[in-house]
């Protein structure tokens, strides 16, 4: 069985939205699919996740799923995860806001990013 968070080839070859998602998580070390933008989040969960990423000093790309209904539905199908935001580190799906918050509080988020080779700046 393949992991949809790491095997982006099958759906991506037939669906342009899936191809965009796969390309985005492959090309950027840290990606947050969110409601709104990092400078102007449009939901509390997205805002919390942005604040956590800023606090750990992770440079990331924010993708506003509210700009396209197909993207909003597509990201949920991409990982079979029903909620937004969704965080990816080095192409791997990490989780949504609650998981990111728990990982941050336990120190696991910074450790994961360091392990994956993501440079963390000073908060």
PDB file of N, CA and C in Angstrom:
ATOM      1  N   UNK A   1       0.845  -1.179   0.000  1.00  0.00           N
ATOM      2  CA  UNK A   1       0.000   0.000   0.000  1.00  0.00           C
ATOM      3  C   UNK A   1       0.892   1.244   0.000  1.00  0.00           C
ATOM      4  N   UNK A   2       0.556   2.201  -0.839  1.00  0.00           N
ATOM      5  CA  UNK A   2       1.364   3.417  -0.911  1.00  0.00           C
ATOM      6  C   UNK A   2       0.795   4.472   0.026  1.00  0.00           C
ATOM      7  N   UNK A   3       1.646   5.346   0.464  1.00  0.00           N
ATOM      8  CA  UNK A   3       1.272   6.436   1.349  1.00  0.00           C
ATOM      9  C   UNK A   3       0.945   7.645   0.484  1.00  0.00           C
ATOM     10  N   UNK A   4      -0.314   8.147   0.536  1.00  0.00           N
ATOM     11  CA  UNK A   4      -0.665   9.278  -0.317  1.00  0.00           C
ATOM     12  C   UNK A   4       0.129  10.537  -0.009  1.00  0.00           C
ATOM     13  N   UNK A   5       0.699  10.622   1.176  1.00  0.00           N
ATOM     14  CA  UNK A   5       1.495  11.799   1.507  1.00  0.00           C
ATOM     15  C   UNK A   5       2.850  11.787   0.820  1.00  0.00           C
ATOM     16  N   UNK A   6       3.298  10.614   0.388  1.00  0.00           N
ATOM     17  CA  UNK A   6       4.605  10.545  -0.270  1.00  0.00           C
ATOM     18  C   UNK A   6       4.522  10.029  -1.698  1.00  0.00           C
ATOM     19  N   UNK A   7       3.448   9.316  -2.060  1.00  0.00           N
ATOM     20  CA  UNK A   7       3.303   8.818  -3.425  1.00  0.00           C
ATOM     21  C   UNK A   7       2.338   9.717  -4.182  1.00  0.00           C
ATOM     22  N   UNK A   8       2.889  10.743  -4.824  1.00  0.00           N
ATOM     23  CA  UNK A   8       2.072  11.741  -5.497  1.00  0.00           C
ATOM     24  C   UNK A   8       1.936  11.463  -6.990  1.00  0.00           C
ATOM     25  N   UNK A   9       2.407  10.342  -7.461  1.00  0.00           N
ATOM     26  CA  UNK A   9       2.493  10.144  -8.894  1.00  0.00           C
ATOM     27  C   UNK A   9       1.176   9.736  -9.538  1.00  0.00           C
ATOM     28  N   UNK A  10       0.407   8.843  -8.954  1.00  0.00           N
ATOM     29  CA  UNK A  10      -0.763   8.300  -9.633  1.00  0.00           C
ATOM     30  C   UNK A  10      -1.830   9.356  -9.902  1.00  0.00           C
ATOM     31  N   UNK A  11      -2.325  10.023  -8.870  1.00  0.00           N
ATOM     32  CA  UNK A  11      -3.370  11.024  -9.066  1.00  0.00           C
ATOM     33  C   UNK A  11      -2.834  12.256  -9.779  1.00  0.00           C
ATOM     34  N   UNK A  12      -1.595  12.596  -9.523  1.00  0.00           N
ATOM     35  CA  UNK A  12      -1.023  13.813 -10.088  1.00  0.00           C
ATOM     36  C   UNK A  12      -0.918  13.754 -11.602  1.00  0.00           C
ATOM     37  N   UNK A  13      -0.821  12.564 -12.166  1.00  0.00           N
ATOM     38  CA  UNK A  13      -0.670  12.461 -13.611  1.00  0.00           C
ATOM     39  C   UNK A  13      -1.986  12.702 -14.342  1.00  0.00           C
ATOM     40  N   UNK A  14      -3.120  12.598 -13.656  1.00  0.00           N
ATOM     41  CA  UNK A  14      -4.401  12.754 -14.320  1.00  0.00           C
ATOM     42  C   UNK A  14      -5.173  13.999 -13.907  1.00  0.00           C
ATOM     43  N   UNK A  15      -4.899  14.559 -12.768  1.00  0.00           N
ATOM     44  CA  UNK A  15      -5.662  15.682 -12.241  1.00  0.00           C
ATOM     45  C   UNK A  15      -4.735  16.890 -12.058  1.00  0.00           C
ATOM     46  N   UNK A  16      -5.028  17.997 -12.737  1.00  0.00           N
ATOM     47  CA  UNK A  16      -4.134  19.160 -12.636  1.00  0.00           C
ATOM     48  C   UNK A  16      -4.043  19.736 -11.222  1.00  0.00           C
ATOM     49  N   UNK A  17      -5.100  19.658 -10.440  1.00  0.00           N
ATOM     50  CA  UNK A  17      -5.044  20.163  -9.067  1.00  0.00           C
ATOM     51  C   UNK A  17      -4.138  19.273  -8.224  1.00  0.00           C
ATOM     52  N   UNK A  18      -4.276  17.966  -8.383  1.00  0.00           N
ATOM     53  CA  UNK A  18      -3.404  17.043  -7.653  1.00  0.00           C
ATOM     54  C   UNK A  18      -1.952  17.234  -8.093  1.00  0.00           C
ATOM     55  N   UNK A  19      -1.755  17.502  -9.378  1.00  0.00           N
ATOM     56  CA  UNK A  19      -0.399  17.751  -9.889  1.00  0.00           C
ATOM     57  C   UNK A  19       0.180  19.020  -9.270  1.00  0.00           C
ATOM     58  N   UNK A  20      -0.635  20.066  -9.152  1.00  0.00           N
ATOM     59  CA  UNK A  20      -0.189  21.318  -8.529  1.00  0.00           C
ATOM     60  C   UNK A  20       0.206  21.074  -7.068  1.00  0.00           C
ATOM     61  N   UNK A  21      -0.619  20.346  -6.337  1.00  0.00           N
ATOM     62  CA  UNK A  21      -0.328  20.065  -4.926  1.00  0.00           C
ATOM     63  C   UNK A  21       0.967  19.272  -4.814  1.00  0.00           C
ATOM     64  N   UNK A  22       1.094  18.218  -5.601  1.00  0.00           N
ATOM     65  CA  UNK A  22       2.300  17.378  -5.556  1.00  0.00           C
ATOM     66  C   UNK A  22       3.544  18.196  -5.883  1.00  0.00           C
ATOM     67  N   UNK A  23       3.464  19.050  -6.899  1.00  0.00           N
ATOM     68  CA  UNK A  23       4.606  19.879  -7.282  1.00  0.00           C
ATOM     69  C   UNK A  23       4.945  20.864  -6.172  1.00  0.00           C
ATOM     70  N   UNK A  24       3.933  21.454  -5.561  1.00  0.00           N
ATOM     71  CA  UNK A  24       4.162  22.441  -4.510  1.00  0.00           C
ATOM     72  C   UNK A  24       4.847  21.820  -3.301  1.00  0.00           C
ATOM     73  N   UNK A  25       4.377  20.657  -2.845  1.00  0.00           N
ATOM     74  CA  UNK A  25       4.985  20.044  -1.652  1.00  0.00           C
ATOM     75  C   UNK A  25       6.355  19.454  -1.960  1.00  0.00           C
ATOM     76  N   UNK A  26       6.630  19.202  -3.246  1.00  0.00           N
ATOM     77  CA  UNK A  26       7.942  18.688  -3.640  1.00  0.00           C
ATOM     78  C   UNK A  26       8.960  19.816  -3.770  1.00  0.00           C
ATOM     79  N   UNK A  27       8.525  20.957  -4.293  1.00  0.00           N
ATOM     80  CA  UNK A  27       9.442  22.062  -4.578  1.00  0.00           C
ATOM     81  C   UNK A  27       9.796  22.918  -3.366  1.00  0.00           C
ATOM     82  N   UNK A  28       8.965  22.907  -2.342  1.00  0.00           N
ATOM     83  CA  UNK A  28       9.176  23.779  -1.181  1.00  0.00           C
ATOM     84  C   UNK A  28       9.350  22.941   0.081  1.00  0.00           C
ATOM     85  N   UNK A  29      10.356  23.246   0.882  1.00  0.00           N
ATOM     86  CA  UNK A  29      10.612  22.444   2.084  1.00  0.00           C
ATOM     87  C   UNK A  29       9.457  22.426   3.085  1.00  0.00           C
ATOM     88  N   UNK A  30       8.804  23.576   3.281  1.00  0.00           N
ATOM     89  CA  UNK A  30       7.687  23.653   4.225  1.00  0.00           C
ATOM     90  C   UNK A  30       6.535  24.368   3.529  1.00  0.00           C
ATOM     91  N   UNK A  31       5.383  23.687   3.486  1.00  0.00           N
ATOM     92  CA  UNK A  31       4.198  24.238   2.817  1.00  0.00           C
ATOM     93  C   UNK A  31       3.012  24.128   3.765  1.00  0.00           C
ATOM     94  N   UNK A  32       2.249  25.214   3.855  1.00  0.00           N
ATOM     95  CA  UNK A  32       1.021  25.208   4.637  1.00  0.00           C
ATOM     96  C   UNK A  32      -0.140  25.531   3.714  1.00  0.00           C
ATOM     97  N   UNK A  33      -1.011  24.542   3.494  1.00  0.00           N
ATOM     98  CA  UNK A  33      -2.259  24.781   2.778  1.00  0.00           C
ATOM     99  C   UNK A  33      -3.214  25.300   3.842  1.00  0.00           C
ATOM    100  N   UNK A  34      -3.719  26.518   3.614  1.00  0.00           N
ATOM    101  CA  UNK A  34      -4.428  27.215   4.670  1.00  0.00           C
ATOM    102  C   UNK A  34      -5.577  28.043   4.107  1.00  0.00           C
ATOM    103  N   UNK A  35      -6.401  28.563   5.006  1.00  0.00           N
ATOM    104  CA  UNK A  35      -7.448  29.506   4.628  1.00  0.00           C
ATOM    105  C   UNK A  35      -6.871  30.898   4.833  1.00  0.00           C
ATOM    106  N   UNK A  36      -6.705  31.628   3.723  1.00  0.00           N
ATOM    107  CA  UNK A  36      -6.089  32.942   3.768  1.00  0.00           C
ATOM    108  C   UNK A  36      -4.611  32.845   3.430  1.00  0.00           C
ATOM    109  N   UNK A  37      -3.886  33.870   3.804  1.00  0.00           N
ATOM    110  CA  UNK A  37      -2.450  33.934   3.543  1.00  0.00           C
ATOM    111  C   UNK A  37      -1.704  34.033   4.881  1.00  0.00           C
ATOM    112  N   UNK A  38      -0.394  33.775   4.886  1.00  0.00           N
ATOM    113  CA  UNK A  38       0.352  33.901   6.143  1.00  0.00           C
ATOM    114  C   UNK A  38       0.206  35.288   6.788  1.00  0.00           C
ATOM    115  N   UNK A  39       0.125  36.330   5.975  1.00  0.00           N
ATOM    116  CA  UNK A  39      -0.034  37.689   6.505  1.00  0.00           C
ATOM    117  C   UNK A  39      -1.467  38.017   6.905  1.00  0.00           C
ATOM    118  N   UNK A  40      -2.423  37.268   6.363  1.00  0.00           N
ATOM    119  CA  UNK A  40      -3.839  37.523   6.657  1.00  0.00           C
ATOM    120  C   UNK A  40      -4.621  36.210   6.684  1.00  0.00           C
ATOM    121  N   UNK A  41      -4.387  35.383   7.719  1.00  0.00           N
ATOM    122  CA  UNK A  41      -5.134  34.124   7.825  1.00  0.00           C
ATOM    123  C   UNK A  41      -6.629  34.409   7.968  1.00  0.00           C
ATOM    124  N   UNK A  42      -7.450  33.526   7.389  1.00  0.00           N
ATOM    125  CA  UNK A  42      -8.891  33.743   7.417  1.00  0.00           C
ATOM    126  C   UNK A  42      -9.628  32.732   8.283  1.00  0.00           C
ATOM    127  N   UNK A  43      -8.899  32.025   9.137  1.00  0.00           N
ATOM    128  CA  UNK A  43      -9.540  31.197  10.164  1.00  0.00           C
ATOM    129  C   UNK A  43      -8.579  31.047  11.330  1.00  0.00           C
ATOM    130  N   UNK A  44      -9.113  30.778  12.488  1.00  0.00           N
ATOM    131  CA  UNK A  44      -8.313  30.681  13.691  1.00  0.00           C
ATOM    132  C   UNK A  44      -7.295  29.562  13.649  1.00  0.00           C
ATOM    133  N   UNK A  45      -7.661  28.421  13.057  1.00  0.00           N
ATOM    134  CA  UNK A  45      -6.744  27.284  12.989  1.00  0.00           C
ATOM    135  C   UNK A  45      -5.547  27.603  12.091  1.00  0.00           C
ATOM    136  N   UNK A  46      -5.820  28.259  10.961  1.00  0.00           N
ATOM    137  CA  UNK A  46      -4.725  28.659  10.077  1.00  0.00           C
ATOM    138  C   UNK A  46      -3.845  29.690  10.771  1.00  0.00           C
ATOM    139  N   UNK A  47      -4.453  30.626  11.477  1.00  0.00           N
ATOM    140  CA  UNK A  47      -3.702  31.651  12.199  1.00  0.00           C
ATOM    141  C   UNK A  47      -2.791  31.027  13.251  1.00  0.00           C
ATOM    142  N   UNK A  48      -3.319  30.075  14.008  1.00  0.00           N
ATOM    143  CA  UNK A  48      -2.523  29.394  15.034  1.00  0.00           C
ATOM    144  C   UNK A  48      -1.321  28.691  14.421  1.00  0.00           C
ATOM    145  N   UNK A  49      -1.543  27.998  13.303  1.00  0.00           N
ATOM    146  CA  UNK A  49      -0.460  27.256  12.659  1.00  0.00           C
ATOM    147  C   UNK A  49       0.612  28.205  12.125  1.00  0.00           C
ATOM    148  N   UNK A  50       0.190  29.333  11.551  1.00  0.00           N
ATOM    149  CA  UNK A  50       1.146  30.341  11.071  1.00  0.00           C
ATOM    150  C   UNK A  50       1.972  30.862  12.244  1.00  0.00           C
ATOM    151  N   UNK A  51       1.327  31.153  13.359  1.00  0.00           N
ATOM    152  CA  UNK A  51       2.046  31.668  14.536  1.00  0.00           C
ATOM    153  C   UNK A  51       3.079  30.650  15.033  1.00  0.00           C
ATOM    154  N   UNK A  52       2.713  29.373  15.019  1.00  0.00           N
ATOM    155  CA  UNK A  52       3.646  28.328  15.457  1.00  0.00           C
ATOM    156  C   UNK A  52       4.849  28.269  14.522  1.00  0.00           C
ATOM    157  N   UNK A  53       4.600  28.274  13.212  1.00  0.00           N
ATOM    158  CA  UNK A  53       5.701  28.225  12.248  1.00  0.00           C
ATOM    159  C   UNK A  53       6.595  29.452  12.387  1.00  0.00           C
ATOM    160  N   UNK A  54       5.986  30.602  12.600  1.00  0.00           N
ATOM    161  CA  UNK A  54       6.772  31.825  12.819  1.00  0.00           C
ATOM    162  C   UNK A  54       7.603  31.709  14.097  1.00  0.00           C
ATOM    163  N   UNK A  55       7.016  31.139  15.134  1.00  0.00           N
ATOM    164  CA  UNK A  55       7.706  31.017  16.417  1.00  0.00           C
ATOM    165  C   UNK A  55       8.932  30.104  16.328  1.00  0.00           C
ATOM    166  N   UNK A  56       8.810  29.005  15.590  1.00  0.00           N
ATOM    167  CA  UNK A  56       9.962  28.099  15.457  1.00  0.00           C
ATOM    168  C   UNK A  56      10.959  28.622  14.423  1.00  0.00           C
ATOM    169  N   UNK A  57      10.576  29.678  13.702  1.00  0.00           N
ATOM    170  CA  UNK A  57      11.492  30.281  12.736  1.00  0.00           C
ATOM    171  C   UNK A  57      11.566  29.538  11.418  1.00  0.00           C
ATOM    172  N   UNK A  58      10.486  28.828  11.069  1.00  0.00           N
ATOM    173  CA  UNK A  58      10.463  28.077   9.816  1.00  0.00           C
ATOM    174  C   UNK A  58       9.973  28.967   8.679  1.00  0.00           C
ATOM    175  N   UNK A  59      10.785  29.078   7.637  1.00  0.00           N
ATOM    176  CA  UNK A  59      10.354  29.757   6.431  1.00  0.00           C
ATOM    177  C   UNK A  59       9.413  28.797   5.701  1.00  0.00           C
ATOM    178  N   UNK A  60       8.251  29.292   5.263  1.00  0.00           N
ATOM    179  CA  UNK A  60       7.280  28.400   4.628  1.00  0.00           C
ATOM    180  C   UNK A  60       6.506  29.117   3.536  1.00  0.00           C
ATOM    181  N   UNK A  61       5.917  28.310   2.672  1.00  0.00           N
ATOM    182  CA  UNK A  61       5.040  28.803   1.617  1.00  0.00           C
ATOM    183  C   UNK A  61       3.608  28.547   2.065  1.00  0.00           C
ATOM    184  N   UNK A  62       2.800  29.589   2.038  1.00  0.00           N
ATOM    185  CA  UNK A  62       1.384  29.449   2.353  1.00  0.00           C
ATOM    186  C   UNK A  62       0.577  29.406   1.070  1.00  0.00           C
ATOM    187  N   UNK A  63      -0.337  28.446   0.975  1.00  0.00           N
ATOM    188  CA  UNK A  63      -1.204  28.320  -0.193  1.00  0.00           C
ATOM    189  C   UNK A  63      -2.644  28.527   0.276  1.00  0.00           C
ATOM    190  N   UNK A  64      -3.298  29.562  -0.254  1.00  0.00           N
ATOM    191  CA  UNK A  64      -4.659  29.909   0.137  1.00  0.00           C
ATOM    192  C   UNK A  64      -5.668  29.029  -0.611  1.00  0.00           C
ATOM    193  N   UNK A  65      -6.270  28.091   0.102  1.00  0.00           N
ATOM    194  CA  UNK A  65      -7.222  27.177  -0.526  1.00  0.00           C
ATOM    195  C   UNK A  65      -8.570  27.841  -0.804  1.00  0.00           C
ATOM    196  N   UNK A  66      -8.797  29.020  -0.231  1.00  0.00           N
ATOM    197  CA  UNK A  66     -10.065  29.709  -0.470  1.00  0.00           C
ATOM    198  C   UNK A  66     -10.125  30.347  -1.847  1.00  0.00           C
ATOM    199  N   UNK A  67      -9.000  30.417  -2.550  1.00  0.00           N
ATOM    200  CA  UNK A  67      -8.968  31.013  -3.877  1.00  0.00           C
ATOM    201  C   UNK A  67      -9.568  30.098  -4.948  1.00  0.00           C
ATOM    202  N   UNK A  68      -9.699  28.800  -4.619  1.00  0.00           N
ATOM    203  CA  UNK A  68     -10.173  27.844  -5.617  1.00  0.00           C
ATOM    204  C   UNK A  68     -10.848  26.669  -4.908  1.00  0.00           C
ATOM    205  N   UNK A  69     -12.134  26.488  -5.179  1.00  0.00           N
ATOM    206  CA  UNK A  69     -12.889  25.402  -4.543  1.00  0.00           C
ATOM    207  C   UNK A  69     -12.293  24.037  -4.882  1.00  0.00           C
ATOM    208  N   UNK A  70     -11.786  23.899  -6.113  1.00  0.00           N
ATOM    209  CA  UNK A  70     -11.158  22.635  -6.510  1.00  0.00           C
ATOM    210  C   UNK A  70      -9.922  22.342  -5.680  1.00  0.00           C
ATOM    211  N   UNK A  71      -9.145  23.388  -5.381  1.00  0.00           N
ATOM    212  CA  UNK A  71      -7.956  23.219  -4.543  1.00  0.00           C
ATOM    213  C   UNK A  71      -8.361  22.886  -3.109  1.00  0.00           C
ATOM    214  N   UNK A  72      -9.386  23.553  -2.634  1.00  0.00           N
ATOM    215  CA  UNK A  72      -9.869  23.302  -1.266  1.00  0.00           C
ATOM    216  C   UNK A  72     -10.297  21.846  -1.104  1.00  0.00           C
ATOM    217  N   UNK A  73     -11.034  21.326  -2.076  1.00  0.00           N
ATOM    218  CA  UNK A  73     -11.444  19.915  -2.034  1.00  0.00           C
ATOM    219  C   UNK A  73     -10.272  18.998  -2.358  1.00  0.00           C
ATOM    220  N   UNK A  74      -9.428  19.439  -3.284  1.00  0.00           N
ATOM    221  CA  UNK A  74      -8.308  18.614  -3.743  1.00  0.00           C
ATOM    222  C   UNK A  74      -7.289  18.318  -2.663  1.00  0.00           C
ATOM    223  N   UNK A  75      -7.009  19.300  -1.798  1.00  0.00           N
ATOM    224  CA  UNK A  75      -6.019  19.069  -0.751  1.00  0.00           C
ATOM    225  C   UNK A  75      -6.551  18.062   0.264  1.00  0.00           C
ATOM    226  N   UNK A  76      -7.849  18.083   0.499  1.00  0.00           N
ATOM    227  CA  UNK A  76      -8.453  17.108   1.418  1.00  0.00           C
ATOM    228  C   UNK A  76      -8.354  15.702   0.845  1.00  0.00           C
ATOM    229  N   UNK A  77      -8.562  15.572  -0.465  1.00  0.00           N
ATOM    230  CA  UNK A  77      -8.464  14.270  -1.125  1.00  0.00           C
ATOM    231  C   UNK A  77      -7.010  13.806  -1.230  1.00  0.00           C
ATOM    232  N   UNK A  78      -6.094  14.747  -1.376  1.00  0.00           N
ATOM    233  CA  UNK A  78      -4.676  14.435  -1.561  1.00  0.00           C
ATOM    234  C   UNK A  78      -4.134  13.594  -0.414  1.00  0.00           C
ATOM    235  N   UNK A  79      -4.550  13.938   0.806  1.00  0.00           N
ATOM    236  CA  UNK A  79      -4.058  13.227   1.987  1.00  0.00           C
ATOM    237  C   UNK A  79      -5.143  12.417   2.680  1.00  0.00           C
ATOM    238  N   UNK A  80      -6.362  12.504   2.180  1.00  0.00           N
ATOM    239  CA  UNK A  80      -7.486  11.873   2.854  1.00  0.00           C
ATOM    240  C   UNK A  80      -7.600  12.425   4.276  1.00  0.00           C
ATOM    241  N   UNK A  81      -7.412  13.736   4.395  1.00  0.00           N
ATOM    242  CA  UNK A  81      -7.493  14.435   5.683  1.00  0.00           C
ATOM    243  C   UNK A  81      -8.580  15.491   5.534  1.00  0.00           C
ATOM    244  N   UNK A  82      -9.583  15.509   6.394  1.00  0.00           N
ATOM    245  CA  UNK A  82     -10.780  16.325   6.140  1.00  0.00           C
ATOM    246  C   UNK A  82     -10.683  17.808   6.466  1.00  0.00           C
ATOM    247  N   UNK A  83      -9.624  18.236   7.124  1.00  0.00           N
ATOM    248  CA  UNK A  83      -9.596  19.621   7.576  1.00  0.00           C
ATOM    249  C   UNK A  83      -8.422  20.410   7.008  1.00  0.00           C
ATOM    250  N   UNK A  84      -8.569  21.720   7.099  1.00  0.00           N
ATOM    251  CA  UNK A  84      -7.547  22.679   6.681  1.00  0.00           C
ATOM    252  C   UNK A  84      -7.319  23.571   7.891  1.00  0.00           C
ATOM    253  N   UNK A  85      -6.087  23.902   8.221  1.00  0.00           N
ATOM    254  CA  UNK A  85      -4.860  23.832   7.443  1.00  0.00           C
ATOM    255  C   UNK A  85      -4.228  22.446   7.430  1.00  0.00           C
ATOM    256  N   UNK A  86      -3.301  22.284   6.472  1.00  0.00           N
ATOM    257  CA  UNK A  86      -2.497  21.068   6.362  1.00  0.00           C
ATOM    258  C   UNK A  86      -1.045  21.469   6.157  1.00  0.00           C
ATOM    259  N   UNK A  87      -0.177  20.918   7.013  1.00  0.00           N
ATOM    260  CA  UNK A  87       1.246  21.238   6.960  1.00  0.00           C
ATOM    261  C   UNK A  87       2.034  20.093   6.345  1.00  0.00           C
ATOM    262  N   UNK A  88       2.953  20.447   5.434  1.00  0.00           N
ATOM    263  CA  UNK A  88       3.860  19.497   4.789  1.00  0.00           C
ATOM    264  C   UNK A  88       5.286  19.930   5.058  1.00  0.00           C
ATOM    265  N   UNK A  89       6.127  18.983   5.423  1.00  0.00           N
ATOM    266  CA  UNK A  89       7.545  19.244   5.620  1.00  0.00           C
ATOM    267  C   UNK A  89       8.311  18.271   4.738  1.00  0.00           C
ATOM    268  N   UNK A  90       9.086  18.817   3.806  1.00  0.00           N
ATOM    269  CA  UNK A  90       9.869  18.013   2.853  1.00  0.00           C
ATOM    270  C   UNK A  90       8.996  16.963   2.166  1.00  0.00           C
ATOM    271  N   UNK A  91       7.817  17.394   1.724  1.00  0.00           N
ATOM    272  CA  UNK A  91       6.920  16.526   0.981  1.00  0.00           C
ATOM    273  C   UNK A  91       6.076  15.597   1.822  1.00  0.00           C
ATOM    274  N   UNK A  92       6.307  15.574   3.124  1.00  0.00           N
ATOM    275  CA  UNK A  92       5.578  14.661   4.012  1.00  0.00           C
ATOM    276  C   UNK A  92       4.466  15.413   4.732  1.00  0.00           C
ATOM    277  N   UNK A  93       3.259  14.851   4.682  1.00  0.00           N
ATOM    278  CA  UNK A  93       2.134  15.440   5.396  1.00  0.00           C
ATOM    279  C   UNK A  93       2.357  15.266   6.898  1.00  0.00           C
ATOM    280  N   UNK A  94       2.335  16.373   7.627  1.00  0.00           N
ATOM    281  CA  UNK A  94       2.550  16.344   9.073  1.00  0.00           C
ATOM    282  C   UNK A  94       1.225  16.286   9.817  1.00  0.00           C
ATOM    283  N   UNK A  95       0.282  17.151   9.447  1.00  0.00           N
ATOM    284  CA  UNK A  95      -1.016  17.150  10.103  1.00  0.00           C
ATOM    285  C   UNK A  95      -1.686  18.501  10.027  1.00  0.00           C
ATOM    286  N   UNK A  96      -2.778  18.599  10.767  1.00  0.00           N
ATOM    287  CA  UNK A  96      -3.533  19.832  10.837  1.00  0.00           C
ATOM    288  C   UNK A  96      -3.136  20.645  12.054  1.00  0.00           C
ATOM    289  N   UNK A  97      -3.947  21.631  12.365  1.00  0.00           N
ATOM    290  CA  UNK A  97      -3.634  22.584  13.424  1.00  0.00           C
ATOM    291  C   UNK A  97      -3.422  21.920  14.785  1.00  0.00           C
ATOM    292  N   UNK A  98      -4.305  21.012  15.170  1.00  0.00           N
ATOM    293  CA  UNK A  98      -4.177  20.367  16.487  1.00  0.00           C
ATOM    294  C   UNK A  98      -2.895  19.562  16.598  1.00  0.00           C
ATOM    295  N   UNK A  99      -2.579  18.796  15.558  1.00  0.00           N
ATOM    296  CA  UNK A  99      -1.351  17.986  15.568  1.00  0.00           C
ATOM    297  C   UNK A  99      -0.124  18.880  15.591  1.00  0.00           C
ATOM    298  N   UNK A 100      -0.137  19.936  14.775  1.00  0.00           N
ATOM    299  CA  UNK A 100       0.999  20.863  14.737  1.00  0.00           C
ATOM    300  C   UNK A 100       1.181  21.512  16.107  1.00  0.00           C
ATOM    301  N   UNK A 101       0.075  21.915  16.732  1.00  0.00           N
ATOM    302  CA  UNK A 101       0.159  22.545  18.054  1.00  0.00           C
ATOM    303  C   UNK A 101       0.737  21.570  19.090  1.00  0.00           C
ATOM    304  N   UNK A 102       0.260  20.330  19.093  1.00  0.00           N
ATOM    305  CA  UNK A 102       0.770  19.326  20.031  1.00  0.00           C
ATOM    306  C   UNK A 102       2.253  19.052  19.794  1.00  0.00           C
ATOM    307  N   UNK A 103       2.646  18.952  18.520  1.00  0.00           N
ATOM    308  CA  UNK A 103       4.057  18.714  18.195  1.00  0.00           C
ATOM    309  C   UNK A 103       4.924  19.899  18.621  1.00  0.00           C
ATOM    310  N   UNK A 104       4.402  21.104  18.452  1.00  0.00           N
ATOM    311  CA  UNK A 104       5.135  22.297  18.869  1.00  0.00           C
ATOM    312  C   UNK A 104       5.333  22.295  20.385  1.00  0.00           C
ATOM    313  N   UNK A 105       4.256  22.022  21.111  1.00  0.00           N
ATOM    314  CA  UNK A 105       4.329  22.049  22.575  1.00  0.00           C
ATOM    315  C   UNK A 105       5.277  20.995  23.128  1.00  0.00           C
ATOM    316  N   UNK A 106       5.384  19.859  22.458  1.00  0.00           N
ATOM    317  CA  UNK A 106       6.259  18.785  22.942  1.00  0.00           C
ATOM    318  C   UNK A 106       7.689  18.907  22.423  1.00  0.00           C
ATOM    319  N   UNK A 107       7.911  19.837  21.488  1.00  0.00           N
ATOM    320  CA  UNK A 107       9.238  19.990  20.895  1.00  0.00           C
ATOM    321  C   UNK A 107       9.450  19.126  19.661  1.00  0.00           C
ATOM    322  N   UNK A 108       8.451  18.302  19.326  1.00  0.00           N
ATOM    323  CA  UNK A 108       8.583  17.395  18.181  1.00  0.00           C
ATOM    324  C   UNK A 108       8.619  18.119  16.841  1.00  0.00           C
ATOM    325  N   UNK A 109       7.929  19.254  16.735  1.00  0.00           N
ATOM    326  CA  UNK A 109       7.869  19.956  15.453  1.00  0.00           C
ATOM    327  C   UNK A 109       9.245  20.475  15.050  1.00  0.00           C
ATOM    328  N   UNK A 110       9.915  21.167  15.963  1.00  0.00           N
ATOM    329  CA  UNK A 110      11.255  21.681  15.668  1.00  0.00           C
ATOM    330  C   UNK A 110      12.214  20.521  15.408  1.00  0.00           C
ATOM    331  N   UNK A 111      12.074  19.441  16.176  1.00  0.00           N
ATOM    332  CA  UNK A 111      12.946  18.277  15.990  1.00  0.00           C
ATOM    333  C   UNK A 111      12.727  17.653  14.612  1.00  0.00           C
ATOM    334  N   UNK A 112      11.478  17.536  14.185  1.00  0.00           N
ATOM    335  CA  UNK A 112      11.169  16.979  12.866  1.00  0.00           C
ATOM    336  C   UNK A 112      11.778  17.837  11.768  1.00  0.00           C
ATOM    337  N   UNK A 113      11.607  19.133  11.889  1.00  0.00           N
ATOM    338  CA  UNK A 113      12.133  20.034  10.861  1.00  0.00           C
ATOM    339  C   UNK A 113      13.656  19.960  10.804  1.00  0.00           C
ATOM    340  N   UNK A 114      14.292  19.929  11.952  1.00  0.00           N
ATOM    341  CA  UNK A 114      15.749  19.817  11.998  1.00  0.00           C
ATOM    342  C   UNK A 114      16.196  18.497  11.387  1.00  0.00           C
ATOM    343  N   UNK A 115      15.497  17.427  11.737  1.00  0.00           N
ATOM    344  CA  UNK A 115      15.817  16.096  11.201  1.00  0.00           C
ATOM    345  C   UNK A 115      15.681  16.056   9.685  1.00  0.00           C
ATOM    346  N   UNK A 116      14.699  16.794   9.156  1.00  0.00           N
ATOM    347  CA  UNK A 116      14.452  16.821   7.702  1.00  0.00           C
ATOM    348  C   UNK A 116      15.354  17.830   6.986  1.00  0.00           C
ATOM    349  N   UNK A 117      16.183  18.564   7.750  1.00  0.00           N
ATOM    350  CA  UNK A 117      17.089  19.517   7.130  1.00  0.00           C
ATOM    351  C   UNK A 117      16.518  20.886   6.872  1.00  0.00           C
ATOM    352  N   UNK A 118      15.422  21.212   7.546  1.00  0.00           N
ATOM    353  CA  UNK A 118      14.814  22.544   7.405  1.00  0.00           C
ATOM    354  C   UNK A 118      15.533  23.479   8.372  1.00  0.00           C
ATOM    355  N   UNK A 119      16.051  24.583   7.832  1.00  0.00           N
ATOM    356  CA  UNK A 119      16.727  25.562   8.675  1.00  0.00           C
ATOM    357  C   UNK A 119      15.690  26.352   9.463  1.00  0.00           C
ATOM    358  N   UNK A 120      15.935  26.461  10.753  1.00  0.00           N
ATOM    359  CA  UNK A 120      15.043  27.230  11.624  1.00  0.00           C
ATOM    360  C   UNK A 120      15.772  28.488  12.062  1.00  0.00           C
ATOM    361  N   UNK A 121      15.118  29.622  11.865  1.00  0.00           N
ATOM    362  CA  UNK A 121      15.712  30.891  12.255  1.00  0.00           C
ATOM    363  C   UNK A 121      15.358  31.220  13.695  1.00  0.00           C
ATOM    364  N   UNK A 122      15.710  32.403  14.086  1.00  0.00           N
ATOM    365  CA  UNK A 122      15.398  32.863  15.436  1.00  0.00           C
ATOM    366  C   UNK A 122      14.016  33.470  15.443  1.00  0.00           C
ATOM    367  N   UNK A 123      13.236  33.093  16.433  1.00  0.00           N
ATOM    368  CA  UNK A 123      11.876  33.634  16.562  1.00  0.00           C
ATOM    369  C   UNK A 123      11.904  35.019  17.156  1.00  0.00           C
TER     370      UNK A 123
END
